[in-house]
Amino acid sequence: MTLDRITEYGRFVRDLRKNRNENLDMMSKKMGVSISFLSNLESGKKQVPSDFIDKLALVYNLDNVAKMRLINSVELTNNKTVIRLNNLSPSKKNLVLNIARNIENIDDKKAEELLNMLK
């Protein structure tokens, strides 16, 4: 697989394997899946299943920071995220929904400003 075809998730797990001196075969055995399945996840040919996040975090004993990086990489690769609104106040729900509905109309400079405000 060429590096230009690797997804954000693919970069994350490739770095994870590299840091632990593992290859795709070793990871597939640890995760209980085929090498081709892992390769398809890395290249974006298959979406990363949501239950795979917790399994990977558990098998590789990821700390909270690494798990958040994993979640972000999966969301970027799958091009979707789930935002649970049920525990949010009405004003926070309104904020989330308005951003989601209008994100395509916000220029990059304004998006950076909003992002910096939220950090």
PDB file of N, CA and C in Angstrom:
ATOM      1  N   MET A   1       0.852  -1.170   0.000  1.00  0.00           N
ATOM      2  CA  MET A   1       0.000   0.000   0.000  1.00  0.00           C
ATOM      3  C   MET A   1       0.896   1.230   0.000  1.00  0.00           C
ATOM      4  N   THR A   2       0.622   2.163  -0.879  1.00  0.00           N
ATOM      5  CA  THR A   2       1.422   3.382  -0.924  1.00  0.00           C
ATOM      6  C   THR A   2       0.953   4.332   0.156  1.00  0.00           C
ATOM      7  N   LEU A   3       1.854   5.199   0.593  1.00  0.00           N
ATOM      8  CA  LEU A   3       1.530   6.118   1.674  1.00  0.00           C
ATOM      9  C   LEU A   3       0.440   7.110   1.301  1.00  0.00           C
ATOM     10  N   ASP A   4       0.282   7.432   0.008  1.00  0.00           N
ATOM     11  CA  ASP A   4      -0.745   8.389  -0.368  1.00  0.00           C
ATOM     12  C   ASP A   4      -2.150   7.784  -0.285  1.00  0.00           C
ATOM     13  N   ARG A   5      -2.257   6.465  -0.172  1.00  0.00           N
ATOM     14  CA  ARG A   5      -3.561   5.821  -0.084  1.00  0.00           C
ATOM     15  C   ARG A   5      -3.926   5.479   1.351  1.00  0.00           C
ATOM     16  N   ILE A   6      -3.045   5.741   2.298  1.00  0.00           N
ATOM     17  CA  ILE A   6      -3.304   5.396   3.680  1.00  0.00           C
ATOM     18  C   ILE A   6      -4.200   6.461   4.320  1.00  0.00           C
ATOM     19  N   THR A   7      -5.104   6.026   5.156  1.00  0.00           N
ATOM     20  CA  THR A   7      -6.049   6.931   5.820  1.00  0.00           C
ATOM     21  C   THR A   7      -5.461   7.435   7.139  1.00  0.00           C
ATOM     22  N   GLU A   8      -6.184   8.345   7.774  1.00  0.00           N
ATOM     23  CA  GLU A   8      -5.768   8.815   9.106  1.00  0.00           C
ATOM     24  C   GLU A   8      -5.700   7.644  10.087  1.00  0.00           C
ATOM     25  N   TYR A   9      -6.706   6.784  10.022  1.00  0.00           N
ATOM     26  CA  TYR A   9      -6.692   5.593  10.865  1.00  0.00           C
ATOM     27  C   TYR A   9      -5.480   4.731  10.522  1.00  0.00           C
ATOM     28  N   GLY A  10      -5.204   4.569   9.241  1.00  0.00           N
ATOM     29  CA  GLY A  10      -4.064   3.785   8.797  1.00  0.00           C
ATOM     30  C   GLY A  10      -2.760   4.323   9.345  1.00  0.00           C
ATOM     31  N   ARG A  11      -2.603   5.646   9.334  1.00  0.00           N
ATOM     32  CA  ARG A  11      -1.392   6.260   9.892  1.00  0.00           C
ATOM     33  C   ARG A  11      -1.283   5.966  11.386  1.00  0.00           C
ATOM     34  N   PHE A  12      -2.428   6.067  12.077  1.00  0.00           N
ATOM     35  CA  PHE A  12      -2.420   5.825  13.518  1.00  0.00           C
ATOM     36  C   PHE A  12      -1.959   4.407  13.831  1.00  0.00           C
ATOM     37  N   VAL A  13      -2.582   3.405  13.184  1.00  0.00           N
ATOM     38  CA  VAL A  13      -2.227   2.017  13.517  1.00  0.00           C
ATOM     39  C   VAL A  13      -0.843   1.643  12.989  1.00  0.00           C
ATOM     40  N   ARG A  14      -0.432   2.228  11.884  1.00  0.00           N
ATOM     41  CA  ARG A  14       0.919   1.965  11.384  1.00  0.00           C
ATOM     42  C   ARG A  14       1.950   2.484  12.399  1.00  0.00           C
ATOM     43  N   ASP A  15       1.724   3.687  12.934  1.00  0.00           N
ATOM     44  CA  ASP A  15       2.626   4.221  13.966  1.00  0.00           C
ATOM     45  C   ASP A  15       2.585   3.354  15.225  1.00  0.00           C
ATOM     46  N   LEU A  16       1.399   2.891  15.588  1.00  0.00           N
ATOM     47  CA  LEU A  16       1.246   2.025  16.758  1.00  0.00           C
ATOM     48  C   LEU A  16       2.079   0.754  16.586  1.00  0.00           C
ATOM     49  N   ARG A  17       1.963   0.141  15.416  1.00  0.00           N
ATOM     50  CA  ARG A  17       2.741  -1.080  15.149  1.00  0.00           C
ATOM     51  C   ARG A  17       4.240  -0.785  15.142  1.00  0.00           C
ATOM     52  N   LYS A  18       4.618   0.299  14.488  1.00  0.00           N
ATOM     53  CA  LYS A  18       6.036   0.663  14.378  1.00  0.00           C
ATOM     54  C   LYS A  18       6.645   0.871  15.770  1.00  0.00           C
ATOM     55  N   ASN A  19       5.911   1.584  16.626  1.00  0.00           N
ATOM     56  CA  ASN A  19       6.406   1.857  17.977  1.00  0.00           C
ATOM     57  C   ASN A  19       6.520   0.596  18.827  1.00  0.00           C
ATOM     58  N   ARG A  20       5.819  -0.456  18.435  1.00  0.00           N
ATOM     59  CA  ARG A  20       5.858  -1.722  19.187  1.00  0.00           C
ATOM     60  C   ARG A  20       6.587  -2.823  18.419  1.00  0.00           C
ATOM     61  N   ASN A  21       7.256  -2.412  17.346  1.00  0.00           N
ATOM     62  CA  ASN A  21       8.005  -3.368  16.513  1.00  0.00           C
ATOM     63  C   ASN A  21       7.144  -4.538  16.058  1.00  0.00           C
ATOM     64  N   GLU A  22       5.939  -4.222  15.600  1.00  0.00           N
ATOM     65  CA  GLU A  22       5.015  -5.233  15.102  1.00  0.00           C
ATOM     66  C   GLU A  22       4.760  -5.017  13.624  1.00  0.00           C
ATOM     67  N   ASN A  23       4.345  -6.080  12.948  1.00  0.00           N
ATOM     68  CA  ASN A  23       3.917  -5.962  11.565  1.00  0.00           C
ATOM     69  C   ASN A  23       2.413  -6.250  11.485  1.00  0.00           C
ATOM     70  N   LEU A  24       1.874  -6.169  10.293  1.00  0.00           N
ATOM     71  CA  LEU A  24       0.438  -6.368  10.093  1.00  0.00           C
ATOM     72  C   LEU A  24       0.002  -7.767  10.537  1.00  0.00           C
ATOM     73  N   ASP A  25       0.845  -8.759  10.292  1.00  0.00           N
ATOM     74  CA  ASP A  25       0.513 -10.127  10.687  1.00  0.00           C
ATOM     75  C   ASP A  25       0.377 -10.244  12.206  1.00  0.00           C
ATOM     76  N   MET A  26       1.293  -9.634  12.934  1.00  0.00           N
ATOM     77  CA  MET A  26       1.245  -9.690  14.397  1.00  0.00           C
ATOM     78  C   MET A  26      -0.020  -9.013  14.924  1.00  0.00           C
ATOM     79  N   MET A  27      -0.341  -7.857  14.335  1.00  0.00           N
ATOM     80  CA  MET A  27      -1.535  -7.140  14.774  1.00  0.00           C
ATOM     81  C   MET A  27      -2.794  -7.949  14.462  1.00  0.00           C
ATOM     82  N   SER A  28      -2.828  -8.580  13.302  1.00  0.00           N
ATOM     83  CA  SER A  28      -4.020  -9.343  12.931  1.00  0.00           C
ATOM     84  C   SER A  28      -4.253 -10.490  13.913  1.00  0.00           C
ATOM     85  N   LYS A  29      -3.179 -11.117  14.349  1.00  0.00           N
ATOM     86  CA  LYS A  29      -3.306 -12.203  15.334  1.00  0.00           C
ATOM     87  C   LYS A  29      -3.784 -11.674  16.677  1.00  0.00           C
ATOM     88  N   LYS A  30      -3.237 -10.550  17.113  1.00  0.00           N
ATOM     89  CA  LYS A  30      -3.664  -9.964  18.385  1.00  0.00           C
ATOM     90  C   LYS A  30      -5.137  -9.550  18.351  1.00  0.00           C
ATOM     91  N   MET A  31      -5.557  -9.006  17.203  1.00  0.00           N
ATOM     92  CA  MET A  31      -6.921  -8.489  17.085  1.00  0.00           C
ATOM     93  C   MET A  31      -7.924  -9.572  16.675  1.00  0.00           C
ATOM     94  N   GLY A  32      -7.429 -10.715  16.231  1.00  0.00           N
ATOM     95  CA  GLY A  32      -8.309 -11.801  15.831  1.00  0.00           C
ATOM     96  C   GLY A  32      -9.037 -11.549  14.519  1.00  0.00           C
ATOM     97  N   VAL A  33      -8.365 -10.859  13.606  1.00  0.00           N
ATOM     98  CA  VAL A  33      -8.928 -10.572  12.280  1.00  0.00           C
ATOM     99  C   VAL A  33      -7.871 -10.878  11.222  1.00  0.00           C
ATOM    100  N   SER A  34      -8.290 -10.897   9.982  1.00  0.00           N
ATOM    101  CA  SER A  34      -7.351 -11.207   8.904  1.00  0.00           C
ATOM    102  C   SER A  34      -6.482  -9.990   8.555  1.00  0.00           C
ATOM    103  N   ILE A  35      -5.351 -10.285   7.945  1.00  0.00           N
ATOM    104  CA  ILE A  35      -4.464  -9.226   7.466  1.00  0.00           C
ATOM    105  C   ILE A  35      -5.187  -8.384   6.420  1.00  0.00           C
ATOM    106  N   SER A  36      -5.944  -9.029   5.539  1.00  0.00           N
ATOM    107  CA  SER A  36      -6.641  -8.279   4.488  1.00  0.00           C
ATOM    108  C   SER A  36      -7.690  -7.338   5.085  1.00  0.00           C
ATOM    109  N   PHE A  37      -8.338  -7.747   6.165  1.00  0.00           N
ATOM    110  CA  PHE A  37      -9.305  -6.868   6.829  1.00  0.00           C
ATOM    111  C   PHE A  37      -8.605  -5.622   7.359  1.00  0.00           C
ATOM    112  N   LEU A  38      -7.483  -5.823   8.053  1.00  0.00           N
ATOM    113  CA  LEU A  38      -6.730  -4.676   8.578  1.00  0.00           C
ATOM    114  C   LEU A  38      -6.244  -3.775   7.452  1.00  0.00           C
ATOM    115  N   SER A  39      -5.755  -4.373   6.390  1.00  0.00           N
ATOM    116  CA  SER A  39      -5.273  -3.598   5.247  1.00  0.00           C
ATOM    117  C   SER A  39      -6.404  -2.780   4.629  1.00  0.00           C
ATOM    118  N   ASN A  40      -7.580  -3.374   4.511  1.00  0.00           N
ATOM    119  CA  ASN A  40      -8.738  -2.658   3.962  1.00  0.00           C
ATOM    120  C   ASN A  40      -9.171  -1.506   4.863  1.00  0.00           C
ATOM    121  N   LEU A  41      -9.025  -1.659   6.173  1.00  0.00           N
ATOM    122  CA  LEU A  41      -9.333  -0.556   7.090  1.00  0.00           C
ATOM    123  C   LEU A  41      -8.335   0.585   6.892  1.00  0.00           C
ATOM    124  N   GLU A  42      -7.054   0.241   6.813  1.00  0.00           N
ATOM    125  CA  GLU A  42      -6.004   1.249   6.670  1.00  0.00           C
ATOM    126  C   GLU A  42      -6.123   2.035   5.372  1.00  0.00           C
ATOM    127  N   SER A  43      -6.536   1.365   4.318  1.00  0.00           N
ATOM    128  CA  SER A  43      -6.622   2.032   3.015  1.00  0.00           C
ATOM    129  C   SER A  43      -7.969   2.713   2.791  1.00  0.00           C
ATOM    130  N   GLY A  44      -8.901   2.526   3.712  1.00  0.00           N
ATOM    131  CA  GLY A  44     -10.219   3.150   3.574  1.00  0.00           C
ATOM    132  C   GLY A  44     -11.176   2.359   2.700  1.00  0.00           C
ATOM    133  N   LYS A  45     -10.800   1.158   2.308  1.00  0.00           N
ATOM    134  CA  LYS A  45     -11.702   0.330   1.506  1.00  0.00           C
ATOM    135  C   LYS A  45     -12.869  -0.175   2.337  1.00  0.00           C
ATOM    136  N   LYS A  46     -12.670  -0.262   3.644  1.00  0.00           N
ATOM    137  CA  LYS A  46     -13.731  -0.621   4.580  1.00  0.00           C
ATOM    138  C   LYS A  46     -13.752   0.425   5.685  1.00  0.00           C
ATOM    139  N   GLN A  47     -14.955   0.698   6.194  1.00  0.00           N
ATOM    140  CA  GLN A  47     -15.056   1.609   7.328  1.00  0.00           C
ATOM    141  C   GLN A  47     -14.641   0.883   8.600  1.00  0.00           C
ATOM    142  N   VAL A  48     -14.034   1.624   9.506  1.00  0.00           N
ATOM    143  CA  VAL A  48     -13.608   1.054  10.777  1.00  0.00           C
ATOM    144  C   VAL A  48     -14.853   0.853  11.632  1.00  0.00           C
ATOM    145  N   PRO A  49     -15.147  -0.390  12.035  1.00  0.00           N
ATOM    146  CA  PRO A  49     -16.325  -0.634  12.863  1.00  0.00           C
ATOM    147  C   PRO A  49     -16.185   0.048  14.222  1.00  0.00           C
ATOM    148  N   SER A  50     -17.278   0.557  14.755  1.00  0.00           N
ATOM    149  CA  SER A  50     -17.218   1.291  16.021  1.00  0.00           C
ATOM    150  C   SER A  50     -16.721   0.420  17.171  1.00  0.00           C
ATOM    151  N   ASP A  51     -17.053  -0.873  17.179  1.00  0.00           N
ATOM    152  CA  ASP A  51     -16.595  -1.736  18.262  1.00  0.00           C
ATOM    153  C   ASP A  51     -15.100  -2.042  18.171  1.00  0.00           C
ATOM    154  N   PHE A  52     -14.502  -1.751  17.038  1.00  0.00           N
ATOM    155  CA  PHE A  52     -13.085  -2.001  16.827  1.00  0.00           C
ATOM    156  C   PHE A  52     -12.231  -1.032  17.645  1.00  0.00           C
ATOM    157  N   ILE A  53     -12.755   0.156  17.916  1.00  0.00           N
ATOM    158  CA  ILE A  53     -12.022   1.168  18.686  1.00  0.00           C
ATOM    159  C   ILE A  53     -11.721   0.654  20.085  1.00  0.00           C
ATOM    160  N   ASP A  54     -12.761   0.205  20.780  1.00  0.00           N
ATOM    161  CA  ASP A  54     -12.571  -0.286  22.150  1.00  0.00           C
ATOM    162  C   ASP A  54     -11.685  -1.524  22.180  1.00  0.00           C
ATOM    163  N   LYS A  55     -11.854  -2.397  21.204  1.00  0.00           N
ATOM    164  CA  LYS A  55     -11.047  -3.612  21.147  1.00  0.00           C
ATOM    165  C   LYS A  55      -9.571  -3.270  20.950  1.00  0.00           C
ATOM    166  N   LEU A  56      -9.289  -2.358  20.022  1.00  0.00           N
ATOM    167  CA  LEU A  56      -7.907  -1.954  19.764  1.00  0.00           C
ATOM    168  C   LEU A  56      -7.311  -1.270  20.991  1.00  0.00           C
ATOM    169  N   ALA A  57      -8.082  -0.403  21.624  1.00  0.00           N
ATOM    170  CA  ALA A  57      -7.610   0.302  22.820  1.00  0.00           C
ATOM    171  C   ALA A  57      -7.302  -0.681  23.944  1.00  0.00           C
ATOM    172  N   LEU A  58      -8.133  -1.698  24.083  1.00  0.00           N
ATOM    173  CA  LEU A  58      -7.934  -2.697  25.125  1.00  0.00           C
ATOM    174  C   LEU A  58      -6.716  -3.575  24.821  1.00  0.00           C
ATOM    175  N   VAL A  59      -6.653  -4.106  23.610  1.00  0.00           N
ATOM    176  CA  VAL A  59      -5.562  -5.006  23.225  1.00  0.00           C
ATOM    177  C   VAL A  59      -4.204  -4.300  23.327  1.00  0.00           C
ATOM    178  N   TYR A  60      -4.173  -3.022  22.955  1.00  0.00           N
ATOM    179  CA  TYR A  60      -2.914  -2.273  22.966  1.00  0.00           C
ATOM    180  C   TYR A  60      -2.764  -1.370  24.191  1.00  0.00           C
ATOM    181  N   ASN A  61      -3.668  -1.517  25.146  1.00  0.00           N
ATOM    182  CA  ASN A  61      -3.584  -0.785  26.412  1.00  0.00           C
ATOM    183  C   ASN A  61      -3.330   0.710  26.192  1.00  0.00           C
ATOM    184  N   LEU A  62      -4.166   1.323  25.341  1.00  0.00           N
ATOM    185  CA  LEU A  62      -3.987   2.739  25.020  1.00  0.00           C
ATOM    186  C   LEU A  62      -4.439   3.610  26.185  1.00  0.00           C
ATOM    187  N   ASP A  63      -3.673   4.655  26.470  1.00  0.00           N
ATOM    188  CA  ASP A  63      -4.103   5.612  27.481  1.00  0.00           C
ATOM    189  C   ASP A  63      -5.186   6.510  26.873  1.00  0.00           C
ATOM    190  N   ASN A  64      -5.755   7.393  27.677  1.00  0.00           N
ATOM    191  CA  ASN A  64      -6.870   8.232  27.211  1.00  0.00           C
ATOM    192  C   ASN A  64      -6.487   9.136  26.044  1.00  0.00           C
ATOM    193  N   VAL A  65      -5.269   9.665  26.054  1.00  0.00           N
ATOM    194  CA  VAL A  65      -4.824  10.541  24.970  1.00  0.00           C
ATOM    195  C   VAL A  65      -4.725   9.750  23.668  1.00  0.00           C
ATOM    196  N   ALA A  66      -4.109   8.582  23.732  1.00  0.00           N
ATOM    197  CA  ALA A  66      -3.971   7.748  22.535  1.00  0.00           C
ATOM    198  C   ALA A  66      -5.341   7.280  22.046  1.00  0.00           C
ATOM    199  N   LYS A  67      -6.231   6.961  22.978  1.00  0.00           N
ATOM    200  CA  LYS A  67      -7.568   6.519  22.567  1.00  0.00           C
ATOM    201  C   LYS A  67      -8.316   7.655  21.863  1.00  0.00           C
ATOM    202  N   MET A  68      -8.164   8.877  22.333  1.00  0.00           N
ATOM    203  CA  MET A  68      -8.810  10.018  21.664  1.00  0.00           C
ATOM    204  C   MET A  68      -8.214  10.226  20.276  1.00  0.00           C
ATOM    205  N   ARG A  69      -6.910  10.052  20.126  1.00  0.00           N
ATOM    206  CA  ARG A  69      -6.288  10.138  18.801  1.00  0.00           C
ATOM    207  C   ARG A  69      -6.828   9.052  17.892  1.00  0.00           C
ATOM    208  N   LEU A  70      -7.014   7.855  18.441  1.00  0.00           N
ATOM    209  CA  LEU A  70      -7.592   6.750  17.681  1.00  0.00           C
ATOM    210  C   LEU A  70      -9.009   7.093  17.236  1.00  0.00           C
ATOM    211  N   ILE A  71      -9.831   7.573  18.158  1.00  0.00           N
ATOM    212  CA  ILE A  71     -11.221   7.943  17.829  1.00  0.00           C
ATOM    213  C   ILE A  71     -11.241   9.008  16.747  1.00  0.00           C
ATOM    214  N   ASN A  72     -10.410  10.031  16.890  1.00  0.00           N
ATOM    215  CA  ASN A  72     -10.353  11.100  15.881  1.00  0.00           C
ATOM    216  C   ASN A  72      -9.937  10.544  14.524  1.00  0.00           C
ATOM    217  N   SER A  73      -8.963   9.631  14.527  1.00  0.00           N
ATOM    218  CA  SER A  73      -8.504   9.068  13.253  1.00  0.00           C
ATOM    219  C   SER A  73      -9.607   8.246  12.590  1.00  0.00           C
ATOM    220  N   VAL A  74     -10.386   7.532  13.384  1.00  0.00           N
ATOM    221  CA  VAL A  74     -11.494   6.739  12.838  1.00  0.00           C
ATOM    222  C   VAL A  74     -12.574   7.662  12.281  1.00  0.00           C
ATOM    223  N   GLU A  75     -12.905   8.712  13.024  1.00  0.00           N
ATOM    224  CA  GLU A  75     -13.937   9.644  12.559  1.00  0.00           C
ATOM    225  C   GLU A  75     -13.515  10.326  11.266  1.00  0.00           C
ATOM    226  N   LEU A  76     -12.244  10.710  11.163  1.00  0.00           N
ATOM    227  CA  LEU A  76     -11.754  11.323   9.928  1.00  0.00           C
ATOM    228  C   LEU A  76     -11.765  10.327   8.778  1.00  0.00           C
ATOM    229  N   THR A  77     -11.387   9.096   9.057  1.00  0.00           N
ATOM    230  CA  THR A  77     -11.349   8.065   8.018  1.00  0.00           C
ATOM    231  C   THR A  77     -12.752   7.684   7.563  1.00  0.00           C
ATOM    232  N   ASN A  78     -13.656   7.521   8.507  1.00  0.00           N
ATOM    233  CA  ASN A  78     -15.029   7.126   8.170  1.00  0.00           C
ATOM    234  C   ASN A  78     -15.880   8.306   7.699  1.00  0.00           C
ATOM    235  N   ASN A  79     -15.343   9.517   7.823  1.00  0.00           N
ATOM    236  CA  ASN A  79     -16.055  10.735   7.430  1.00  0.00           C
ATOM    237  C   ASN A  79     -17.374  10.924   8.156  1.00  0.00           C
ATOM    238  N   LYS A  80     -17.405  10.513   9.410  1.00  0.00           N
ATOM    239  CA  LYS A  80     -18.618  10.753  10.193  1.00  0.00           C
ATOM    240  C   LYS A  80     -18.285  10.677  11.671  1.00  0.00           C
ATOM    241  N   THR A  81     -19.150  11.291  12.444  1.00  0.00           N
ATOM    242  CA  THR A  81     -19.042  11.233  13.894  1.00  0.00           C
ATOM    243  C   THR A  81     -20.445  11.237  14.475  1.00  0.00           C
ATOM    244  N   VAL A  82     -20.563  10.730  15.674  1.00  0.00           N
ATOM    245  CA  VAL A  82     -21.846  10.729  16.371  1.00  0.00           C
ATOM    246  C   VAL A  82     -21.728  11.697  17.530  1.00  0.00           C
ATOM    247  N   ILE A  83     -22.657  12.608  17.609  1.00  0.00           N
ATOM    248  CA  ILE A  83     -22.694  13.563  18.716  1.00  0.00           C
ATOM    249  C   ILE A  83     -23.957  13.291  19.516  1.00  0.00           C
ATOM    250  N   ARG A  84     -23.773  12.883  20.753  1.00  0.00           N
ATOM    251  CA  ARG A  84     -24.915  12.596  21.606  1.00  0.00           C
ATOM    252  C   ARG A  84     -25.434  13.895  22.214  1.00  0.00           C
ATOM    253  N   LEU A  85     -26.677  14.199  21.940  1.00  0.00           N
ATOM    254  CA  LEU A  85     -27.270  15.459  22.375  1.00  0.00           C
ATOM    255  C   LEU A  85     -28.089  15.325  23.654  1.00  0.00           C
ATOM    256  N   ASN A  86     -28.410  14.111  24.059  1.00  0.00           N
ATOM    257  CA  ASN A  86     -29.364  13.921  25.142  1.00  0.00           C
ATOM    258  C   ASN A  86     -28.963  14.545  26.468  1.00  0.00           C
ATOM    259  N   ASN A  87     -27.697  14.698  26.767  1.00  0.00           N
ATOM    260  CA  ASN A  87     -27.281  15.288  28.051  1.00  0.00           C
ATOM    261  C   ASN A  87     -26.861  16.747  27.938  1.00  0.00           C
ATOM    262  N   LEU A  88     -27.108  17.353  26.781  1.00  0.00           N
ATOM    263  CA  LEU A  88     -26.723  18.753  26.576  1.00  0.00           C
ATOM    264  C   LEU A  88     -27.880  19.690  26.893  1.00  0.00           C
ATOM    265  N   SER A  89     -27.514  20.883  27.327  1.00  0.00           N
ATOM    266  CA  SER A  89     -28.529  21.917  27.556  1.00  0.00           C
ATOM    267  C   SER A  89     -29.084  22.363  26.212  1.00  0.00           C
ATOM    268  N   PRO A  90     -30.250  23.006  26.212  1.00  0.00           N
ATOM    269  CA  PRO A  90     -30.809  23.490  24.946  1.00  0.00           C
ATOM    270  C   PRO A  90     -29.865  24.419  24.184  1.00  0.00           C
ATOM    271  N   SER A  91     -29.146  25.285  24.882  1.00  0.00           N
ATOM    272  CA  SER A  91     -28.247  26.205  24.176  1.00  0.00           C
ATOM    273  C   SER A  91     -27.072  25.453  23.543  1.00  0.00           C
ATOM    274  N   LYS A  92     -26.560  24.416  24.200  1.00  0.00           N
ATOM    275  CA  LYS A  92     -25.469  23.626  23.629  1.00  0.00           C
ATOM    276  C   LYS A  92     -25.958  22.803  22.441  1.00  0.00           C
ATOM    277  N   LYS A  93     -27.151  22.261  22.547  1.00  0.00           N
ATOM    278  CA  LYS A  93     -27.734  21.530  21.414  1.00  0.00           C
ATOM    279  C   LYS A  93     -27.859  22.451  20.211  1.00  0.00           C
ATOM    280  N   ASN A  94     -28.361  23.648  20.458  1.00  0.00           N
ATOM    281  CA  ASN A  94     -28.538  24.632  19.393  1.00  0.00           C
ATOM    282  C   ASN A  94     -27.193  24.985  18.747  1.00  0.00           C
ATOM    283  N   LEU A  95     -26.180  25.161  19.560  1.00  0.00           N
ATOM    284  CA  LEU A  95     -24.841  25.465  19.054  1.00  0.00           C
ATOM    285  C   LEU A  95     -24.335  24.345  18.140  1.00  0.00           C
ATOM    286  N   VAL A  96     -24.411  23.110  18.623  1.00  0.00           N
ATOM    287  CA  VAL A  96     -23.927  21.963  17.843  1.00  0.00           C
ATOM    288  C   VAL A  96     -24.676  21.853  16.520  1.00  0.00           C
ATOM    289  N   LEU A  97     -25.979  21.959  16.564  1.00  0.00           N
ATOM    290  CA  LEU A  97     -26.778  21.814  15.350  1.00  0.00           C
ATOM    291  C   LEU A  97     -26.524  22.942  14.361  1.00  0.00           C
ATOM    292  N   ASN A  98     -26.376  24.163  14.861  1.00  0.00           N
ATOM    293  CA  ASN A  98     -26.101  25.287  13.962  1.00  0.00           C
ATOM    294  C   ASN A  98     -24.735  25.176  13.304  1.00  0.00           C
ATOM    295  N   ILE A  99     -23.751  24.730  14.055  1.00  0.00           N
ATOM    296  CA  ILE A  99     -22.428  24.529  13.452  1.00  0.00           C
ATOM    297  C   ILE A  99     -22.508  23.447  12.387  1.00  0.00           C
ATOM    298  N   ALA A 100     -23.161  22.342  12.722  1.00  0.00           N
ATOM    299  CA  ALA A 100     -23.270  21.237  11.765  1.00  0.00           C
ATOM    300  C   ALA A 100     -23.989  21.668  10.483  1.00  0.00           C
ATOM    301  N   ARG A 101     -25.062  22.424  10.633  1.00  0.00           N
ATOM    302  CA  ARG A 101     -25.837  22.846   9.458  1.00  0.00           C
ATOM    303  C   ARG A 101     -25.101  23.865   8.602  1.00  0.00           C
ATOM    304  N   ASN A 102     -24.244  24.667   9.203  1.00  0.00           N
ATOM    305  CA  ASN A 102     -23.619  25.783   8.492  1.00  0.00           C
ATOM    306  C   ASN A 102     -22.126  25.631   8.243  1.00  0.00           C
ATOM    307  N   ILE A 103     -21.557  24.512   8.583  1.00  0.00           N
ATOM    308  CA  ILE A 103     -20.105  24.353   8.502  1.00  0.00           C
ATOM    309  C   ILE A 103     -19.568  24.583   7.090  1.00  0.00           C
ATOM    310  N   GLU A 104     -20.305  24.194   6.079  1.00  0.00           N
ATOM    311  CA  GLU A 104     -19.824  24.369   4.701  1.00  0.00           C
ATOM    312  C   GLU A 104     -19.788  25.841   4.289  1.00  0.00           C
ATOM    313  N   ASN A 105     -20.527  26.690   4.988  1.00  0.00           N
ATOM    314  CA  ASN A 105     -20.574  28.117   4.656  1.00  0.00           C
ATOM    315  C   ASN A 105     -19.562  28.944   5.444  1.00  0.00           C
ATOM    316  N   ILE A 106     -18.853  28.314   6.370  1.00  0.00           N
ATOM    317  CA  ILE A 106     -17.873  29.022   7.193  1.00  0.00           C
ATOM    318  C   ILE A 106     -16.508  28.941   6.503  1.00  0.00           C
ATOM    319  N   ASP A 107     -15.865  30.092   6.304  1.00  0.00           N
ATOM    320  CA  ASP A 107     -14.543  30.057   5.664  1.00  0.00           C
ATOM    321  C   ASP A 107     -13.505  29.519   6.655  1.00  0.00           C
ATOM    322  N   ASP A 108     -12.366  29.125   6.128  1.00  0.00           N
ATOM    323  CA  ASP A 108     -11.338  28.486   6.949  1.00  0.00           C
ATOM    324  C   ASP A 108     -10.823  29.393   8.063  1.00  0.00           C
ATOM    325  N   LYS A 109     -10.720  30.682   7.796  1.00  0.00           N
ATOM    326  CA  LYS A 109     -10.229  31.610   8.827  1.00  0.00           C
ATOM    327  C   LYS A 109     -11.193  31.641  10.004  1.00  0.00           C
ATOM    328  N   LYS A 110     -12.483  31.740   9.728  1.00  0.00           N
ATOM    329  CA  LYS A 110     -13.496  31.763  10.782  1.00  0.00           C
ATOM    330  C   LYS A 110     -13.526  30.417  11.517  1.00  0.00           C
ATOM    331  N   ALA A 111     -13.343  29.329  10.773  1.00  0.00           N
ATOM    332  CA  ALA A 111     -13.314  28.006  11.397  1.00  0.00           C
ATOM    333  C   ALA A 111     -12.152  27.896  12.381  1.00  0.00           C
ATOM    334  N   GLU A 112     -10.986  28.414  11.991  1.00  0.00           N
ATOM    335  CA  GLU A 112      -9.822  28.413  12.888  1.00  0.00           C
ATOM    336  C   GLU A 112     -10.098  29.244  14.142  1.00  0.00           C
ATOM    337  N   GLU A 113     -10.749  30.397  13.972  1.00  0.00           N
ATOM    338  CA  GLU A 113     -11.095  31.242  15.118  1.00  0.00           C
ATOM    339  C   GLU A 113     -12.015  30.494  16.076  1.00  0.00           C
ATOM    340  N   LEU A 114     -13.034  29.853  15.534  1.00  0.00           N
ATOM    341  CA  LEU A 114     -13.967  29.090  16.361  1.00  0.00           C
ATOM    342  C   LEU A 114     -13.247  27.949  17.072  1.00  0.00           C
ATOM    343  N   LEU A 115     -12.394  27.266  16.351  1.00  0.00           N
ATOM    344  CA  LEU A 115     -11.645  26.156  16.937  1.00  0.00           C
ATOM    345  C   LEU A 115     -10.766  26.630  18.078  1.00  0.00           C
ATOM    346  N   ASN A 116     -10.094  27.743  17.885  1.00  0.00           N
ATOM    347  CA  ASN A 116      -9.231  28.298  18.950  1.00  0.00           C
ATOM    348  C   ASN A 116     -10.050  28.711  20.162  1.00  0.00           C
ATOM    349  N   MET A 117     -11.249  29.208  19.946  1.00  0.00           N
ATOM    350  CA  MET A 117     -12.129  29.566  21.050  1.00  0.00           C
ATOM    351  C   MET A 117     -12.516  28.339  21.886  1.00  0.00           C
ATOM    352  N   LEU A 118     -12.653  27.210  21.224  1.00  0.00           N
ATOM    353  CA  LEU A 118     -13.114  26.005  21.897  1.00  0.00           C
ATOM    354  C   LEU A 118     -12.009  25.199  22.547  1.00  0.00           C
ATOM    355  N   LYS A 119     -10.764  25.553  22.288  1.00  0.00           N
ATOM    356  CA  LYS A 119      -9.637  24.810  22.874  1.00  0.00           C
ATOM    357  C   LYS A 119      -9.412  25.203  24.308  1.00  0.00           C
TER     358      LYS A 119
END
